[in-house]
């Protein structure tokens, strides 16, 4: 279940509420018990992990390729 953030239009307090996606939005402030509460957009702690994502398949790939590639010897140049 996600955690949603709400902001009260009356007192300006911002609070979090743990609820299902299918639950009805809150309309009463937890601080001042008045109406006018709106859901706000905030950053999440969502992170993609596992096979097929940047973390495992692409991160550091360029560095690995550079290490495995043979280096040209500057002494062999005419």
N, C-alpha and C. Protein backbone atom coordinates (compact mmCIF):
# COMPACT_ATOMS: atom_id res chain seq x y z
N UNK A 1 0.85 -1.18 0.00
CA UNK A 1 0.00 0.00 0.00
C UNK A 1 0.89 1.24 0.00
N UNK A 2 0.54 2.20 -0.83
CA UNK A 2 1.34 3.43 -0.90
C UNK A 2 1.03 4.41 0.23
N UNK A 3 1.98 5.30 0.43
CA UNK A 3 1.81 6.38 1.40
C UNK A 3 1.56 7.66 0.59
N UNK A 4 0.47 8.33 0.85
CA UNK A 4 0.12 9.56 0.15
C UNK A 4 0.36 10.77 1.05
N UNK A 5 0.71 11.88 0.44
CA UNK A 5 0.87 13.13 1.19
C UNK A 5 -0.31 14.04 0.88
N UNK A 6 -0.76 14.71 1.91
CA UNK A 6 -1.88 15.65 1.79
C UNK A 6 -1.46 16.99 2.37
N UNK A 7 -2.07 18.06 1.86
CA UNK A 7 -1.83 19.40 2.39
C UNK A 7 -3.18 20.04 2.71
N UNK A 8 -3.25 20.65 3.88
CA UNK A 8 -4.46 21.31 4.33
C UNK A 8 -4.48 22.76 3.84
N UNK A 9 -5.58 23.17 3.24
CA UNK A 9 -5.73 24.55 2.76
C UNK A 9 -5.97 25.52 3.92
N UNK A 10 -6.49 25.02 5.03
CA UNK A 10 -6.80 25.87 6.19
C UNK A 10 -5.56 26.21 7.02
N UNK A 11 -4.84 25.16 7.49
CA UNK A 11 -3.70 25.41 8.38
C UNK A 11 -2.35 25.27 7.69
N UNK A 12 -2.33 24.74 6.46
CA UNK A 12 -1.09 24.60 5.70
C UNK A 12 -0.23 23.41 6.08
N UNK A 13 -0.70 22.57 6.99
CA UNK A 13 0.11 21.42 7.39
C UNK A 13 0.13 20.36 6.30
N UNK A 14 1.26 19.67 6.22
CA UNK A 14 1.43 18.57 5.27
C UNK A 14 1.59 17.30 6.10
N UNK A 15 0.82 16.28 5.74
CA UNK A 15 0.88 15.02 6.48
C UNK A 15 0.76 13.85 5.52
N UNK A 16 1.23 12.69 5.99
CA UNK A 16 1.20 11.47 5.20
C UNK A 16 0.06 10.58 5.68
N UNK A 17 -0.47 9.78 4.74
CA UNK A 17 -1.52 8.84 5.10
C UNK A 17 -1.30 7.55 4.32
N UNK A 18 -1.26 6.43 5.02
CA UNK A 18 -1.05 5.11 4.46
C UNK A 18 -2.42 4.55 4.07
N UNK A 19 -2.65 4.33 2.77
CA UNK A 19 -3.95 3.85 2.33
C UNK A 19 -3.84 3.09 1.02
N UNK A 20 -4.86 2.30 0.71
CA UNK A 20 -4.91 1.57 -0.54
C UNK A 20 -5.16 2.54 -1.69
N UNK A 21 -4.79 2.12 -2.89
CA UNK A 21 -5.03 2.96 -4.07
C UNK A 21 -6.52 3.12 -4.34
N UNK A 22 -7.30 2.14 -3.94
CA UNK A 22 -8.74 2.17 -4.18
C UNK A 22 -9.52 2.92 -3.10
N UNK A 23 -8.86 3.27 -1.99
CA UNK A 23 -9.53 4.01 -0.92
C UNK A 23 -9.87 5.44 -1.36
N UNK A 24 -10.91 5.99 -0.78
CA UNK A 24 -11.32 7.36 -1.04
C UNK A 24 -10.30 8.33 -0.44
N UNK A 25 -10.06 9.45 -1.13
CA UNK A 25 -9.12 10.46 -0.61
C UNK A 25 -9.64 11.05 0.70
N UNK A 26 -8.70 11.47 1.53
CA UNK A 26 -9.04 12.09 2.81
C UNK A 26 -9.57 13.50 2.55
N UNK A 27 -10.54 13.94 3.32
CA UNK A 27 -11.05 15.31 3.17
C UNK A 27 -10.99 16.11 4.47
N UNK A 28 -10.51 15.51 5.55
CA UNK A 28 -10.38 16.18 6.84
C UNK A 28 -8.90 16.19 7.27
N UNK A 29 -8.41 17.35 7.69
CA UNK A 29 -7.02 17.50 8.12
C UNK A 29 -6.80 16.78 9.46
N UNK A 30 -5.66 16.09 9.56
CA UNK A 30 -5.32 15.39 10.80
C UNK A 30 -4.85 16.35 11.89
N UNK A 31 -4.44 17.57 11.51
CA UNK A 31 -3.93 18.54 12.47
C UNK A 31 -5.04 19.44 13.03
N UNK A 32 -5.80 20.07 12.14
CA UNK A 32 -6.81 21.04 12.59
C UNK A 32 -8.25 20.52 12.50
N UNK A 33 -8.44 19.32 11.96
CA UNK A 33 -9.76 18.68 11.81
C UNK A 33 -10.74 19.50 10.97
N UNK A 34 -10.22 20.28 10.02
CA UNK A 34 -11.07 21.04 9.11
C UNK A 34 -10.96 20.45 7.71
N UNK A 35 -11.85 20.86 6.82
CA UNK A 35 -11.85 20.37 5.44
C UNK A 35 -10.87 21.12 4.57
N UNK A 36 -10.90 20.84 3.29
CA UNK A 36 -10.03 21.54 2.35
C UNK A 36 -8.69 20.86 2.15
N UNK A 37 -8.63 19.56 2.37
CA UNK A 37 -7.38 18.81 2.21
C UNK A 37 -7.24 18.34 0.77
N UNK A 38 -6.05 18.51 0.22
CA UNK A 38 -5.77 18.09 -1.16
C UNK A 38 -4.58 17.15 -1.17
N UNK A 39 -4.64 16.14 -2.04
CA UNK A 39 -3.51 15.23 -2.21
C UNK A 39 -2.43 15.96 -3.00
N UNK A 40 -1.18 15.84 -2.57
CA UNK A 40 -0.08 16.50 -3.28
C UNK A 40 0.85 15.44 -3.88
N UNK A 41 1.58 15.85 -4.89
CA UNK A 41 2.53 14.96 -5.55
C UNK A 41 3.89 15.15 -4.90
N UNK A 42 4.51 14.06 -4.54
CA UNK A 42 5.83 14.11 -3.92
C UNK A 42 6.72 13.03 -4.52
N UNK A 43 8.00 13.10 -4.22
CA UNK A 43 8.91 12.09 -4.74
C UNK A 43 8.69 10.77 -4.01
N UNK A 44 9.02 9.70 -4.69
CA UNK A 44 8.81 8.39 -4.09
C UNK A 44 10.13 7.67 -3.89
N UNK A 45 10.08 6.59 -3.19
CA UNK A 45 11.25 5.76 -2.97
C UNK A 45 11.31 4.61 -3.94
N UNK A 46 10.70 4.74 -5.09
CA UNK A 46 10.60 3.69 -6.09
C UNK A 46 11.94 3.49 -6.78
N UNK A 47 12.40 2.25 -6.86
CA UNK A 47 13.66 1.96 -7.53
C UNK A 47 13.52 0.66 -8.32
N UNK A 48 13.94 0.69 -9.56
CA UNK A 48 13.89 -0.51 -10.39
C UNK A 48 15.15 -1.34 -10.14
N UNK A 49 14.95 -2.61 -9.86
CA UNK A 49 16.07 -3.52 -9.61
C UNK A 49 15.86 -4.79 -10.41
N UNK A 50 16.94 -5.51 -10.60
CA UNK A 50 16.82 -6.80 -11.24
C UNK A 50 17.25 -6.78 -12.69
N UNK A 51 17.16 -7.91 -13.30
CA UNK A 51 17.60 -8.07 -14.68
C UNK A 51 16.77 -7.21 -15.63
N UNK A 52 17.45 -6.57 -16.54
CA UNK A 52 16.75 -5.77 -17.54
C UNK A 52 16.70 -4.29 -17.23
N UNK A 53 17.26 -3.87 -16.12
CA UNK A 53 17.22 -2.47 -15.76
C UNK A 53 18.62 -1.87 -15.77
N UNK A 54 18.70 -0.59 -15.70
CA UNK A 54 19.96 0.16 -15.76
C UNK A 54 20.99 -0.35 -14.75
N UNK A 55 20.55 -0.59 -13.54
CA UNK A 55 21.46 -0.96 -12.45
C UNK A 55 22.27 -2.21 -12.78
N UNK A 56 21.65 -3.20 -13.39
CA UNK A 56 22.34 -4.46 -13.64
C UNK A 56 22.85 -4.60 -15.06
N UNK A 57 22.24 -3.92 -16.02
CA UNK A 57 22.59 -4.15 -17.41
C UNK A 57 23.41 -3.06 -18.08
N UNK A 58 23.32 -1.83 -17.65
CA UNK A 58 23.98 -0.74 -18.35
C UNK A 58 24.99 0.03 -17.50
N UNK A 59 24.80 0.08 -16.22
CA UNK A 59 25.67 0.86 -15.34
C UNK A 59 27.09 0.30 -15.38
N UNK A 60 28.03 1.12 -15.73
CA UNK A 60 29.42 0.72 -15.74
C UNK A 60 29.83 -0.11 -16.94
N UNK A 61 28.95 -0.31 -17.92
CA UNK A 61 29.25 -1.12 -19.08
C UNK A 61 30.41 -0.53 -19.89
N UNK A 62 30.45 0.77 -20.03
CA UNK A 62 31.49 1.43 -20.80
C UNK A 62 32.85 1.22 -20.13
N UNK A 63 32.90 1.30 -18.82
CA UNK A 63 34.14 1.12 -18.08
C UNK A 63 34.66 -0.32 -18.26
N UNK A 64 33.76 -1.31 -18.21
CA UNK A 64 34.16 -2.70 -18.39
C UNK A 64 34.72 -2.94 -19.79
N UNK A 65 34.09 -2.32 -20.81
CA UNK A 65 34.56 -2.48 -22.19
C UNK A 65 35.94 -1.87 -22.37
N UNK A 66 36.19 -0.72 -21.74
CA UNK A 66 37.49 -0.06 -21.86
C UNK A 66 38.58 -0.89 -21.20
N UNK A 67 38.28 -1.54 -20.09
CA UNK A 67 39.27 -2.35 -19.40
C UNK A 67 39.61 -3.61 -20.19
N UNK A 68 38.63 -4.19 -20.87
CA UNK A 68 38.86 -5.43 -21.59
C UNK A 68 39.47 -5.21 -22.97
N UNK A 69 39.36 -4.02 -23.54
CA UNK A 69 39.91 -3.72 -24.86
C UNK A 69 41.42 -3.61 -24.79
N UNK A 70 42.15 -4.20 -25.78
CA UNK A 70 43.61 -4.08 -25.77
C UNK A 70 44.03 -2.64 -26.06
N UNK A 71 45.04 -2.18 -25.36
CA UNK A 71 45.52 -0.81 -25.54
C UNK A 71 46.63 -0.79 -26.59
N UNK A 72 46.65 0.26 -27.40
CA UNK A 72 47.67 0.42 -28.42
C UNK A 72 48.98 0.82 -27.75
N UNK A 73 50.05 0.25 -28.23
CA UNK A 73 51.36 0.55 -27.67
C UNK A 73 51.95 1.75 -28.39
N UNK A 74 52.28 2.82 -27.68
CA UNK A 74 52.80 4.04 -28.29
C UNK A 74 54.21 3.86 -28.84
N UNK A 75 54.92 2.83 -28.43
CA UNK A 75 56.30 2.59 -28.91
C UNK A 75 56.27 2.07 -30.35
N UNK A 76 55.22 1.36 -30.74
CA UNK A 76 55.14 0.78 -32.08
C UNK A 76 54.88 1.81 -33.17
N UNK A 77 54.54 3.02 -32.82
CA UNK A 77 54.24 4.05 -33.82
C UNK A 77 55.51 4.50 -34.52
N UNK A 78 55.50 4.69 -35.88
CA UNK A 78 56.71 5.15 -36.61
C UNK A 78 57.00 6.60 -36.40
